[in-house]
Amino acid sequence: LHISAAVTLVEPAWQAKQNERLRLCLAATHLLQADFAVANGDMN
């Protein structure tokens, strides 16, 4: 739920305006999605 909330906020902002702060925020979201996938056993 929290990852989905983060994606809902950051992806439209990144699409509207790409800057360094949003880049770091989006990258952190992708890393967190990967952590969640590992915990869920989905290595792909």
Full PDB file with SEQRES, HELIX, SHEET, SSBOND, CRYST1, ORIGX, SCALE, CONECT and MASTER records, all heavy atoms in Angstrom:
SEQRES   1 A   44  LEU HIS ILE SER ALA ALA VAL THR LEU VAL GLU PRO ALA          
SEQRES   2 A   44  TRP GLN ALA LYS GLN ASN GLU ARG LEU ARG LEU CYS LEU          
SEQRES   3 A   44  ALA ALA THR HIS LEU LEU GLN ALA ASP PHE ALA VAL ALA          
SEQRES   4 A   44  ASN GLY ASP MET ASN                                          
HELIX    1 AA1 HIS A    2  ALA A   16  1                                  15    
HELIX    2 AA2 GLU A   20  ALA A   39  1                                  20    
CRYST1    1.000    1.000    1.000  90.00  90.00  90.00 P 1           1          
ORIGX1      1.000000  0.000000  0.000000        0.00000                         
ORIGX2      0.000000  1.000000  0.000000        0.00000                         
ORIGX3      0.000000  0.000000  1.000000        0.00000                         
SCALE1      1.000000  0.000000  0.000000        0.00000                         
SCALE2      0.000000  1.000000  0.000000        0.00000                         
SCALE3      0.000000  0.000000  1.000000        0.00000                         
ATOM      1  N   LEU A   1       0.822  -1.208   0.000  1.00  0.00           N  
ATOM      2  CA  LEU A   1       0.000   0.000   0.000  1.00  0.00           C  
ATOM      3  C   LEU A   1       0.856   1.257   0.000  1.00  0.00           C  
ATOM      4  O   LEU A   1       0.579   2.222  -0.735  1.00  0.00           O  
ATOM      5  CB  LEU A   1      -0.944  -0.010   1.214  1.00  0.00           C  
ATOM      6  CG  LEU A   1      -2.086  -1.021   1.186  1.00  0.00           C  
ATOM      7  CD1 LEU A   1      -2.822  -1.028   2.528  1.00  0.00           C  
ATOM      8  CD2 LEU A   1      -3.064  -0.685   0.055  1.00  0.00           C  
ATOM      9  N   HIS A   2       1.904   1.252   0.824  1.00  0.00           N  
ATOM     10  CA  HIS A   2       2.762   2.443   0.904  1.00  0.00           C  
ATOM     11  C   HIS A   2       3.585   2.625  -0.373  1.00  0.00           C  
ATOM     12  O   HIS A   2       3.790   3.756  -0.830  1.00  0.00           O  
ATOM     13  CB  HIS A   2       3.677   2.353   2.123  1.00  0.00           C  
ATOM     14  CG  HIS A   2       2.965   2.639   3.413  1.00  0.00           C  
ATOM     15  ND1 HIS A   2       2.477   3.885   3.723  1.00  0.00           N  
ATOM     16  CD2 HIS A   2       2.658   1.832   4.463  1.00  0.00           C  
ATOM     17  CE1 HIS A   2       1.896   3.848   4.919  1.00  0.00           C  
ATOM     18  NE2 HIS A   2       1.991   2.609   5.382  1.00  0.00           N  
ATOM     19  N   ILE A   3       4.039   1.526  -0.962  1.00  0.00           N  
ATOM     20  CA  ILE A   3       4.773   1.636  -2.224  1.00  0.00           C  
ATOM     21  C   ILE A   3       3.859   2.171  -3.320  1.00  0.00           C  
ATOM     22  O   ILE A   3       4.257   3.041  -4.108  1.00  0.00           O  
ATOM     23  CB  ILE A   3       5.374   0.267  -2.621  1.00  0.00           C  
ATOM     24  CG1 ILE A   3       6.471  -0.136  -1.635  1.00  0.00           C  
ATOM     25  CG2 ILE A   3       5.957   0.326  -4.040  1.00  0.00           C  
ATOM     26  CD1 ILE A   3       6.981  -1.552  -1.809  1.00  0.00           C  
ATOM     27  N   SER A   4       2.645   1.681  -3.366  1.00  0.00           N  
ATOM     28  CA  SER A   4       1.679   2.172  -4.367  1.00  0.00           C  
ATOM     29  C   SER A   4       1.403   3.657  -4.175  1.00  0.00           C  
ATOM     30  O   SER A   4       1.297   4.413  -5.157  1.00  0.00           O  
ATOM     31  CB  SER A   4       0.373   1.383  -4.270  1.00  0.00           C  
ATOM     32  OG  SER A   4       0.587   0.011  -4.571  1.00  0.00           O  
ATOM     33  N   ALA A   5       1.303   4.101  -2.915  1.00  0.00           N  
ATOM     34  CA  ALA A   5       1.073   5.527  -2.645  1.00  0.00           C  
ATOM     35  C   ALA A   5       2.255   6.359  -3.134  1.00  0.00           C  
ATOM     36  O   ALA A   5       2.077   7.442  -3.712  1.00  0.00           O  
ATOM     37  CB  ALA A   5       0.853   5.742  -1.147  1.00  0.00           C  
ATOM     38  N   ALA A   6       3.470   5.846  -2.921  1.00  0.00           N  
ATOM     39  CA  ALA A   6       4.661   6.560  -3.380  1.00  0.00           C  
ATOM     40  C   ALA A   6       4.691   6.658  -4.902  1.00  0.00           C  
ATOM     41  O   ALA A   6       4.981   7.719  -5.469  1.00  0.00           O  
ATOM     42  CB  ALA A   6       5.915   5.858  -2.868  1.00  0.00           C  
ATOM     43  N   VAL A   7       4.370   5.554  -5.575  1.00  0.00           N  
ATOM     44  CA  VAL A   7       4.357   5.540  -7.041  1.00  0.00           C  
ATOM     45  C   VAL A   7       3.330   6.529  -7.576  1.00  0.00           C  
ATOM     46  O   VAL A   7       3.597   7.283  -8.527  1.00  0.00           O  
ATOM     47  CB  VAL A   7       4.055   4.117  -7.553  1.00  0.00           C  
ATOM     48  CG1 VAL A   7       3.782   4.132  -9.063  1.00  0.00           C  
ATOM     49  CG2 VAL A   7       5.221   3.174  -7.244  1.00  0.00           C  
ATOM     50  N   THR A   8       2.154   6.561  -6.966  1.00  0.00           N  
ATOM     51  CA  THR A   8       1.080   7.463  -7.399  1.00  0.00           C  
ATOM     52  C   THR A   8       1.508   8.927  -7.310  1.00  0.00           C  
ATOM     53  O   THR A   8       1.111   9.762  -8.133  1.00  0.00           O  
ATOM     54  CB  THR A   8      -0.181   7.236  -6.546  1.00  0.00           C  
ATOM     55  OG1 THR A   8      -0.603   5.878  -6.696  1.00  0.00           O  
ATOM     56  CG2 THR A   8      -1.304   8.161  -6.969  1.00  0.00           C  
ATOM     57  N   LEU A   9       2.339   9.229  -6.333  1.00  0.00           N  
ATOM     58  CA  LEU A   9       2.803  10.604  -6.164  1.00  0.00           C  
ATOM     59  C   LEU A   9       3.959  10.946  -7.102  1.00  0.00           C  
ATOM     60  O   LEU A   9       3.954  11.981  -7.771  1.00  0.00           O  
ATOM     61  CB  LEU A   9       3.250  10.822  -4.713  1.00  0.00           C  
ATOM     62  CG  LEU A   9       2.153  10.911  -3.654  1.00  0.00           C  
ATOM     63  CD1 LEU A   9       2.753  10.767  -2.255  1.00  0.00           C  
ATOM     64  CD2 LEU A   9       1.403  12.230  -3.770  1.00  0.00           C  
ATOM     65  N   VAL A  10       4.976  10.067  -7.154  1.00  0.00           N  
ATOM     66  CA  VAL A  10       6.228  10.458  -7.793  1.00  0.00           C  
ATOM     67  C   VAL A  10       6.224  10.273  -9.313  1.00  0.00           C  
ATOM     68  O   VAL A  10       6.836  11.081 -10.029  1.00  0.00           O  
ATOM     69  CB  VAL A  10       7.422   9.702  -7.165  1.00  0.00           C  
ATOM     70  CG1 VAL A  10       7.456   8.233  -7.570  1.00  0.00           C  
ATOM     71  CG2 VAL A  10       8.740  10.381  -7.544  1.00  0.00           C  
ATOM     72  N   GLU A  11       5.547   9.262  -9.825  1.00  0.00           N  
ATOM     73  CA  GLU A  11       5.624   9.026 -11.275  1.00  0.00           C  
ATOM     74  C   GLU A  11       5.001  10.163 -12.092  1.00  0.00           C  
ATOM     75  O   GLU A  11       5.612  10.631 -13.060  1.00  0.00           O  
ATOM     76  CB  GLU A  11       5.002   7.674 -11.628  1.00  0.00           C  
ATOM     77  CG  GLU A  11       5.919   6.504 -11.269  1.00  0.00           C  
ATOM     78  CD  GLU A  11       5.462   5.192 -11.871  1.00  0.00           C  
ATOM     79  OE1 GLU A  11       4.289   5.109 -12.327  1.00  0.00           O  
ATOM     80  OE2 GLU A  11       6.263   4.240 -11.876  1.00  0.00           O  
ATOM     81  N   PRO A  12       3.797  10.658 -11.738  1.00  0.00           N  
ATOM     82  CA  PRO A  12       3.270  11.799 -12.507  1.00  0.00           C  
ATOM     83  C   PRO A  12       4.142  13.051 -12.379  1.00  0.00           C  
ATOM     84  O   PRO A  12       4.295  13.808 -13.349  1.00  0.00           O  
ATOM     85  CB  PRO A  12       1.884  12.029 -11.893  1.00  0.00           C  
ATOM     86  CG  PRO A  12       1.535  10.755 -11.212  1.00  0.00           C  
ATOM     87  CD  PRO A  12       2.830  10.183 -10.740  1.00  0.00           C  
ATOM     88  N   ALA A  13       4.702  13.267 -11.197  1.00  0.00           N  
ATOM     89  CA  ALA A  13       5.577  14.432 -11.004  1.00  0.00           C  
ATOM     90  C   ALA A  13       6.815  14.322 -11.891  1.00  0.00           C  
ATOM     91  O   ALA A  13       7.251  15.304 -12.501  1.00  0.00           O  
ATOM     92  CB  ALA A  13       5.977  14.540  -9.531  1.00  0.00           C  
ATOM     93  N   TRP A  14       7.374  13.108 -11.979  1.00  0.00           N  
ATOM     94  CA  TRP A  14       8.557  12.891 -12.821  1.00  0.00           C  
ATOM     95  C   TRP A  14       8.217  13.070 -14.300  1.00  0.00           C  
ATOM     96  O   TRP A  14       9.000  13.650 -15.053  1.00  0.00           O  
ATOM     97  CB  TRP A  14       9.117  11.496 -12.562  1.00  0.00           C  
ATOM     98  CG  TRP A  14      10.208  11.073 -13.498  1.00  0.00           C  
ATOM     99  CD1 TRP A  14      10.124  10.162 -14.509  1.00  0.00           C  
ATOM    100  CD2 TRP A  14      11.569  11.550 -13.520  1.00  0.00           C  
ATOM    101  NE1 TRP A  14      11.329  10.029 -15.153  1.00  0.00           N  
ATOM    102  CE2 TRP A  14      12.233  10.875 -14.567  1.00  0.00           C  
ATOM    103  CE3 TRP A  14      12.266  12.485 -12.767  1.00  0.00           C  
ATOM    104  CZ2 TRP A  14      13.579  11.104 -14.867  1.00  0.00           C  
ATOM    105  CZ3 TRP A  14      13.613  12.713 -13.068  1.00  0.00           C  
ATOM    106  CH2 TRP A  14      14.248  12.029 -14.105  1.00  0.00           C  
ATOM    107  N   GLN A  15       7.068  12.601 -14.708  1.00  0.00           N  
ATOM    108  CA  GLN A  15       6.663  12.763 -16.104  1.00  0.00           C  
ATOM    109  C   GLN A  15       6.435  14.235 -16.456  1.00  0.00           C  
ATOM    110  O   GLN A  15       6.739  14.677 -17.558  1.00  0.00           O  
ATOM    111  CB  GLN A  15       5.381  11.959 -16.381  1.00  0.00           C  
ATOM    112  CG  GLN A  15       5.563  10.455 -16.313  1.00  0.00           C  
ATOM    113  CD  GLN A  15       6.578   9.940 -17.312  1.00  0.00           C  
ATOM    114  OE1 GLN A  15       6.652  10.438 -18.441  1.00  0.00           O  
ATOM    115  NE2 GLN A  15       7.360   8.940 -16.916  1.00  0.00           N  
ATOM    116  N   ALA A  16       5.932  14.987 -15.478  1.00  0.00           N  
ATOM    117  CA  ALA A  16       5.654  16.414 -15.724  1.00  0.00           C  
ATOM    118  C   ALA A  16       6.921  17.253 -15.728  1.00  0.00           C  
ATOM    119  O   ALA A  16       7.036  18.221 -16.482  1.00  0.00           O  
ATOM    120  CB  ALA A  16       4.684  16.943 -14.668  1.00  0.00           C  
ATOM    121  N   LYS A  17       7.882  16.869 -14.904  1.00  0.00           N  
ATOM    122  CA  LYS A  17       9.100  17.689 -14.777  1.00  0.00           C  
ATOM    123  C   LYS A  17      10.227  16.815 -14.234  1.00  0.00           C  
ATOM    124  O   LYS A  17      10.171  16.348 -13.103  1.00  0.00           O  
ATOM    125  CB  LYS A  17       8.847  18.867 -13.822  1.00  0.00           C  
ATOM    126  CG  LYS A  17      10.042  19.777 -13.646  1.00  0.00           C  
ATOM    127  CD  LYS A  17       9.788  20.785 -12.552  1.00  0.00           C  
ATOM    128  CE  LYS A  17       9.553  20.099 -11.223  1.00  0.00           C  
ATOM    129  NZ  LYS A  17       9.371  21.100 -10.143  1.00  0.00           N  
ATOM    130  N   GLN A  18      11.246  16.608 -15.044  1.00  0.00           N  
ATOM    131  CA  GLN A  18      12.357  15.745 -14.644  1.00  0.00           C  
ATOM    132  C   GLN A  18      13.477  16.605 -14.066  1.00  0.00           C  
ATOM    133  O   GLN A  18      14.087  17.396 -14.788  1.00  0.00           O  
ATOM    134  CB  GLN A  18      12.848  14.917 -15.824  1.00  0.00           C  
ATOM    135  CG  GLN A  18      11.775  13.995 -16.375  1.00  0.00           C  
ATOM    136  CD  GLN A  18      12.263  13.076 -17.478  1.00  0.00           C  
ATOM    137  OE1 GLN A  18      13.447  13.048 -17.785  1.00  0.00           O  
ATOM    138  NE2 GLN A  18      11.357  12.317 -18.068  1.00  0.00           N  
ATOM    139  N   ASN A  19      13.726  16.460 -12.783  1.00  0.00           N  
ATOM    140  CA  ASN A  19      14.836  17.153 -12.148  1.00  0.00           C  
ATOM    141  C   ASN A  19      15.537  16.189 -11.190  1.00  0.00           C  
ATOM    142  O   ASN A  19      15.110  15.039 -11.007  1.00  0.00           O  
ATOM    143  CB  ASN A  19      14.387  18.427 -11.429  1.00  0.00           C  
ATOM    144  CG  ASN A  19      13.389  18.152 -10.317  1.00  0.00           C  
ATOM    145  OD1 ASN A  19      13.426  17.119  -9.652  1.00  0.00           O  
ATOM    146  ND2 ASN A  19      12.471  19.083 -10.099  1.00  0.00           N  
ATOM    147  N   GLU A  20      16.612  16.659 -10.571  1.00  0.00           N  
ATOM    148  CA  GLU A  20      17.454  15.762  -9.777  1.00  0.00           C  
ATOM    149  C   GLU A  20      16.736  15.238  -8.538  1.00  0.00           C  
ATOM    150  O   GLU A  20      16.869  14.068  -8.178  1.00  0.00           O  
ATOM    151  CB  GLU A  20      18.743  16.485  -9.390  1.00  0.00           C  
ATOM    152  CG  GLU A  20      19.838  15.562  -8.869  1.00  0.00           C  
ATOM    153  CD  GLU A  20      20.316  14.547  -9.902  1.00  0.00           C  
ATOM    154  OE1 GLU A  20      20.084  14.740 -11.114  1.00  0.00           O  
ATOM    155  OE2 GLU A  20      20.911  13.543  -9.483  1.00  0.00           O  
ATOM    156  N   ARG A  21      15.984  16.075  -7.872  1.00  0.00           N  
ATOM    157  CA  ARG A  21      15.307  15.635  -6.652  1.00  0.00           C  
ATOM    158  C   ARG A  21      14.271  14.558  -6.962  1.00  0.00           C  
ATOM    159  O   ARG A  21      14.160  13.558  -6.245  1.00  0.00           O  
ATOM    160  CB  ARG A  21      14.645  16.832  -5.964  1.00  0.00           C  
ATOM    161  CG  ARG A  21      15.619  17.905  -5.503  1.00  0.00           C  
ATOM    162  CD  ARG A  21      14.885  19.094  -4.930  1.00  0.00           C  
ATOM    163  NE  ARG A  21      14.321  18.785  -3.629  1.00  0.00           N  
ATOM    164  CZ  ARG A  21      13.312  19.447  -3.081  1.00  0.00           C  
ATOM    165  NH1 ARG A  21      12.723  20.428  -3.750  1.00  0.00           N  
ATOM    166  NH2 ARG A  21      12.873  19.137  -1.885  1.00  0.00           N  
ATOM    167  N   LEU A  22      13.511  14.764  -8.031  1.00  0.00           N  
ATOM    168  CA  LEU A  22      12.519  13.764  -8.400  1.00  0.00           C  
ATOM    169  C   LEU A  22      13.176  12.495  -8.936  1.00  0.00           C  
ATOM    170  O   LEU A  22      12.660  11.387  -8.741  1.00  0.00           O  
ATOM    171  CB  LEU A  22      11.556  14.344  -9.430  1.00  0.00           C  
ATOM    172  CG  LEU A  22      10.592  15.406  -8.890  1.00  0.00           C  
ATOM    173  CD1 LEU A  22       9.834  16.085 -10.030  1.00  0.00           C  
ATOM    174  CD2 LEU A  22       9.607  14.800  -7.895  1.00  0.00           C  
ATOM    175  N   ARG A  23      14.323  12.643  -9.600  1.00  0.00           N  
ATOM    176  CA  ARG A  23      15.067  11.475 -10.074  1.00  0.00           C  
ATOM    177  C   ARG A  23      15.454  10.574  -8.902  1.00  0.00           C  
ATOM    178  O   ARG A  23      15.259   9.352  -8.934  1.00  0.00           O  
ATOM    179  CB  ARG A  23      16.319  11.928 -10.825  1.00  0.00           C  
ATOM    180  CG  ARG A  23      17.181  10.768 -11.372  1.00  0.00           C  
ATOM    181  CD  ARG A  23      18.502  11.294 -11.903  1.00  0.00           C  
ATOM    182  NE  ARG A  23      18.301  12.294 -12.934  1.00  0.00           N  
ATOM    183  CZ  ARG A  23      18.092  12.010 -14.216  1.00  0.00           C  
ATOM    184  NH1 ARG A  23      18.053  10.754 -14.610  1.00  0.00           N  
ATOM    185  NH2 ARG A  23      17.932  12.985 -15.087  1.00  0.00           N  
ATOM    186  N   LEU A  24      16.009  11.173  -7.855  1.00  0.00           N  
ATOM    187  CA  LEU A  24      16.411  10.408  -6.673  1.00  0.00           C  
ATOM    188  C   LEU A  24      15.200   9.753  -6.015  1.00  0.00           C  
ATOM    189  O   LEU A  24      15.275   8.607  -5.546  1.00  0.00           O  
ATOM    190  CB  LEU A  24      17.128  11.324  -5.681  1.00  0.00           C  
ATOM    191  CG  LEU A  24      18.488  11.852  -6.135  1.00  0.00           C  
ATOM    192  CD1 LEU A  24      18.957  12.969  -5.206  1.00  0.00           C  
ATOM    193  CD2 LEU A  24      19.516  10.732  -6.157  1.00  0.00           C  
ATOM    194  N   CYS A  25      14.100  10.480  -5.986  1.00  0.00           N  
ATOM    195  CA  CYS A  25      12.877   9.969  -5.365  1.00  0.00           C  
ATOM    196  C   CYS A  25      12.333   8.773  -6.147  1.00  0.00           C  
ATOM    197  O   CYS A  25      11.917   7.755  -5.568  1.00  0.00           O  
ATOM    198  CB  CYS A  25      11.854  11.096  -5.317  1.00  0.00           C  
ATOM    199  SG  CYS A  25      10.680  10.972  -3.978  1.00  0.00           S  
ATOM    200  N   LEU A  26      12.331   8.863  -7.481  1.00  0.00           N  
ATOM    201  CA  LEU A  26      11.835   7.775  -8.316  1.00  0.00           C  
ATOM    202  C   LEU A  26      12.751   6.562  -8.216  1.00  0.00           C  
ATOM    203  O   LEU A  26      12.279   5.418  -8.140  1.00  0.00           O  
ATOM    204  CB  LEU A  26      11.725   8.250  -9.763  1.00  0.00           C  
ATOM    205  CG  LEU A  26      11.175   7.240 -10.769  1.00  0.00           C  
ATOM    206  CD1 LEU A  26       9.773   6.782 -10.375  1.00  0.00           C  
ATOM    207  CD2 LEU A  26      11.165   7.838 -12.179  1.00  0.00           C  
ATOM    208  N   ALA A  27      14.076   6.794  -8.208  1.00  0.00           N  
ATOM    209  CA  ALA A  27      15.023   5.680  -8.100  1.00  0.00           C  
ATOM    210  C   ALA A  27      14.840   4.952  -6.772  1.00  0.00           C  
ATOM    211  O   ALA A  27      14.882   3.710  -6.714  1.00  0.00           O  
ATOM    212  CB  ALA A  27      16.450   6.189  -8.235  1.00  0.00           C  
ATOM    213  N   ALA A  28      14.641   5.712  -5.697  1.00  0.00           N  
ATOM    214  CA  ALA A  28      14.413   5.089  -4.392  1.00  0.00           C  
ATOM    215  C   ALA A  28      13.141   4.244  -4.406  1.00  0.00           C  
ATOM    216  O   ALA A  28      13.080   3.187  -3.766  1.00  0.00           O  
ATOM    217  CB  ALA A  28      14.333   6.162  -3.311  1.00  0.00           C  
ATOM    218  N   THR A  29      12.141   4.705  -5.156  1.00  0.00           N  
ATOM    219  CA  THR A  29      10.900   3.931  -5.270  1.00  0.00           C  
ATOM    220  C   THR A  29      11.149   2.608  -5.989  1.00  0.00           C  
ATOM    221  O   THR A  29      10.648   1.554  -5.576  1.00  0.00           O  
ATOM    222  CB  THR A  29       9.833   4.755  -6.015  1.00  0.00           C  
ATOM    223  OG1 THR A  29       9.647   6.010  -5.346  1.00  0.00           O  
ATOM    224  CG2 THR A  29       8.501   4.020  -6.062  1.00  0.00           C  
ATOM    225  N   HIS A  30      11.939   2.646  -7.071  1.00  0.00           N  
ATOM    226  CA  HIS A  30      12.261   1.407  -7.791  1.00  0.00           C  
ATOM    227  C   HIS A  30      13.036   0.436  -6.888  1.00  0.00           C  
ATOM    228  O   HIS A  30      12.782  -0.782  -6.908  1.00  0.00           O  
ATOM    229  CB  HIS A  30      13.087   1.722  -9.039  1.00  0.00           C  
ATOM    230  CG  HIS A  30      12.313   2.401 -10.130  1.00  0.00           C  
ATOM    231  ND1 HIS A  30      11.023   2.053 -10.451  1.00  0.00           N  
ATOM    232  CD2 HIS A  30      12.659   3.407 -10.979  1.00  0.00           C  
ATOM    233  CE1 HIS A  30      10.598   2.818 -11.445  1.00  0.00           C  
ATOM    234  NE2 HIS A  30      11.573   3.651 -11.779  1.00  0.00           N  
ATOM    235  N   LEU A  31      13.973   0.935  -6.126  1.00  0.00           N  
ATOM    236  CA  LEU A  31      14.735   0.069  -5.215  1.00  0.00           C  
ATOM    237  C   LEU A  31      13.820  -0.556  -4.171  1.00  0.00           C  
ATOM    238  O   LEU A  31      13.989  -1.728  -3.804  1.00  0.00           O  
ATOM    239  CB  LEU A  31      15.841   0.874  -4.537  1.00  0.00           C  
ATOM    240  CG  LEU A  31      17.021   1.284  -5.426  1.00  0.00           C  
ATOM    241  CD1 LEU A  31      17.975   2.192  -4.658  1.00  0.00           C  
ATOM    242  CD2 LEU A  31      17.762   0.057  -5.943  1.00  0.00           C  
ATOM    243  N   LEU A  32      12.866   0.224  -3.706  1.00  0.00           N  
ATOM    244  CA  LEU A  32      11.934  -0.297  -2.711  1.00  0.00           C  
ATOM    245  C   LEU A  32      11.023  -1.362  -3.330  1.00  0.00           C  
ATOM    246  O   LEU A  32      10.692  -2.367  -2.684  1.00  0.00           O  
ATOM    247  CB  LEU A  32      11.111   0.853  -2.142  1.00  0.00           C  
ATOM    248  CG  LEU A  32      10.311   0.581  -0.867  1.00  0.00           C  
ATOM    249  CD1 LEU A  32      11.184   0.000   0.234  1.00  0.00           C  
ATOM    250  CD2 LEU A  32       9.654   1.859  -0.391  1.00  0.00           C  
ATOM    251  N   GLN A  33      10.624  -1.137  -4.571  1.00  0.00           N  
ATOM    252  CA  GLN A  33       9.838  -2.163  -5.268  1.00  0.00           C  
ATOM    253  C   GLN A  33      10.627  -3.465  -5.382  1.00  0.00           C  
ATOM    254  O   GLN A  33      10.071  -4.564  -5.248  1.00  0.00           O  
ATOM    255  CB  GLN A  33       9.434  -1.659  -6.659  1.00  0.00           C  
ATOM    256  CG  GLN A  33       8.369  -0.571  -6.642  1.00  0.00           C  
ATOM    257  CD  GLN A  33       8.131   0.030  -8.018  1.00  0.00           C  
ATOM    258  OE1 GLN A  33       9.074   0.292  -8.766  1.00  0.00           O  
ATOM    259  NE2 GLN A  33       6.868   0.261  -8.355  1.00  0.00           N  
ATOM    260  N   ALA A  34      11.947  -3.342  -5.609  1.00  0.00           N  
ATOM    261  CA  ALA A  34      12.799  -4.534  -5.684  1.00  0.00           C  
ATOM    262  C   ALA A  34      12.884  -5.227  -4.323  1.00  0.00           C  
ATOM    263  O   ALA A  34      12.812  -6.463  -4.235  1.00  0.00           O  
ATOM    264  CB  ALA A  34      14.189  -4.145  -6.173  1.00  0.00           C  
ATOM    265  N   ASP A  35      13.019  -4.452  -3.245  1.00  0.00           N  
ATOM    266  CA  ASP A  35      13.052  -5.041  -1.902  1.00  0.00           C  
ATOM    267  C   ASP A  35      11.757  -5.800  -1.610  1.00  0.00           C  
ATOM    268  O   ASP A  35      11.768  -6.897  -1.042  1.00  0.00           O  
ATOM    269  CB  ASP A  35      13.251  -3.948  -0.847  1.00  0.00           C  
ATOM    270  CG  ASP A  35      14.643  -3.343  -0.883  1.00  0.00           C  
ATOM    271  OD1 ASP A  35      15.540  -3.952  -1.497  1.00  0.00           O  
ATOM    272  OD2 ASP A  35      14.822  -2.257  -0.292  1.00  0.00           O  
ATOM    273  N   PHE A  36      10.652  -5.198  -2.000  1.00  0.00           N  
ATOM    274  CA  PHE A  36       9.353  -5.838  -1.794  1.00  0.00           C  
ATOM    275  C   PHE A  36       9.264  -7.144  -2.592  1.00  0.00           C  
ATOM    276  O   PHE A  36       8.761  -8.165  -2.104  1.00  0.00           O  
ATOM    277  CB  PHE A  36       8.236  -4.886  -2.211  1.00  0.00           C  
ATOM    278  CG  PHE A  36       6.863  -5.479  -2.150  1.00  0.00           C  
ATOM    279  CD1 PHE A  36       6.182  -5.594  -0.945  1.00  0.00           C  
ATOM    280  CD2 PHE A  36       6.235  -5.946  -3.307  1.00  0.00           C  
ATOM    281  CE1 PHE A  36       4.910  -6.153  -0.886  1.00  0.00           C  
ATOM    282  CE2 PHE A  36       4.971  -6.502  -3.252  1.00  0.00           C  
ATOM    283  CZ  PHE A  36       4.302  -6.604  -2.036  1.00  0.00           C  
ATOM    284  N   ALA A  37       9.761  -7.123  -3.835  1.00  0.00           N  
ATOM    285  CA  ALA A  37       9.716  -8.316  -4.682  1.00  0.00           C  
ATOM    286  C   ALA A  37      10.559  -9.441  -4.088  1.00  0.00           C  
ATOM    287  O   ALA A  37      10.159 -10.611  -4.115  1.00  0.00           O  
ATOM    288  CB  ALA A  37      10.190  -7.966  -6.087  1.00  0.00           C  
ATOM    289  N   VAL A  38      11.746  -9.094  -3.539  1.00  0.00           N  
ATOM    290  CA  VAL A  38      12.586 -10.109  -2.894  1.00  0.00           C  
ATOM    291  C   VAL A  38      11.839 -10.724  -1.722  1.00  0.00           C  
ATOM    292  O   VAL A  38      11.804 -11.956  -1.553  1.00  0.00           O  
ATOM    293  CB  VAL A  38      13.920  -9.494  -2.435  1.00  0.00           C  
ATOM    294  CG1 VAL A  38      14.690 -10.480  -1.546  1.00  0.00           C  
ATOM    295  CG2 VAL A  38      14.774  -9.092  -3.630  1.00  0.00           C  
ATOM    296  N   ALA A  39      11.225  -9.875  -0.886  1.00  0.00           N  
ATOM    297  CA  ALA A  39      10.470 -10.379   0.275  1.00  0.00           C  
ATOM    298  C   ALA A  39       9.301 -11.244  -0.168  1.00  0.00           C  
ATOM    299  O   ALA A  39       8.886 -12.168   0.546  1.00  0.00           O  
ATOM    300  CB  ALA A  39       9.979  -9.208   1.121  1.00  0.00           C  
ATOM    301  N   ASN A  40       8.791 -10.985  -1.379  1.00  0.00           N  
ATOM    302  CA  ASN A  40       7.646 -11.726  -1.910  1.00  0.00           C  
ATOM    303  C   ASN A  40       8.080 -12.945  -2.727  1.00  0.00           C  
ATOM    304  O   ASN A  40       7.232 -13.657  -3.275  1.00  0.00           O  
ATOM    305  CB  ASN A  40       6.798 -10.800  -2.787  1.00  0.00           C  
ATOM    306  CG  ASN A  40       5.317 -11.089  -2.698  1.00  0.00           C  
ATOM    307  OD1 ASN A  40       4.836 -11.651  -1.716  1.00  0.00           O  
ATOM    308  ND2 ASN A  40       4.593 -10.709  -3.733  1.00  0.00           N  
ATOM    309  N   GLY A  41       9.404 -13.125  -2.856  1.00  0.00           N  
ATOM    310  CA  GLY A  41       9.929 -14.272  -3.596  1.00  0.00           C  
ATOM    311  C   GLY A  41       9.863 -14.136  -5.100  1.00  0.00           C  
ATOM    312  O   GLY A  41       9.982 -15.129  -5.826  1.00  0.00           O  
ATOM    313  N   ASP A  42       9.716 -12.919  -5.614  1.00  0.00           N  
ATOM    314  CA  ASP A  42       9.611 -12.696  -7.059  1.00  0.00           C  
ATOM    315  C   ASP A  42      10.908 -12.051  -7.553  1.00  0.00           C  
ATOM    316  O   ASP A  42      11.028 -10.828  -7.632  1.00  0.00           O  
ATOM    317  CB  ASP A  42       8.408 -11.800  -7.354  1.00  0.00           C  
ATOM    318  CG  ASP A  42       8.127 -11.654  -8.845  1.00  0.00           C  
ATOM    319  OD1 ASP A  42       8.982 -12.061  -9.650  1.00  0.00           O  
ATOM    320  OD2 ASP A  42       7.052 -11.121  -9.193  1.00  0.00           O  
ATOM    321  N   MET A  43      11.896 -12.885  -7.920  1.00  0.00           N  
ATOM    322  CA  MET A  43      13.205 -12.358  -8.286  1.00  0.00           C  
ATOM    323  C   MET A  43      13.186 -11.663  -9.651  1.00  0.00           C  
ATOM    324  O   MET A  43      13.991 -10.762  -9.892  1.00  0.00           O  
ATOM    325  CB  MET A  43      14.236 -13.482  -8.292  1.00  0.00           C  
ATOM    326  CG  MET A  43      14.413 -14.138  -6.916  1.00  0.00           C  
ATOM    327  SD  MET A  43      14.587 -12.919  -5.561  1.00  0.00           S  
ATOM    328  CE  MET A  43      16.019 -12.019  -6.095  1.00  0.00           C  
ATOM    329  N   ASN A  44      12.289 -12.039 -10.525  1.00  0.00           N  
ATOM    330  CA  ASN A  44      12.188 -11.340 -11.813  1.00  0.00           C  
ATOM    331  C   ASN A  44      11.766  -9.882 -11.605  1.00  0.00           C  
ATOM    332  O   ASN A  44      12.320  -8.964 -12.216  1.00  0.00           O  
ATOM    333  CB  ASN A  44      11.198 -12.050 -12.725  1.00  0.00           C  
ATOM    334  CG  ASN A  44      11.721 -13.375 -13.240  1.00  0.00           C  
ATOM    335  OD1 ASN A  44      12.932 -13.533 -13.403  1.00  0.00           O  
ATOM    336  ND2 ASN A  44      10.826 -14.320 -13.487  1.00  0.00           N  
TER     337      ASN A  44                                                      
MASTER        0    0    0    2    0    0    0    6  336    1    0    4          
END                                                                             
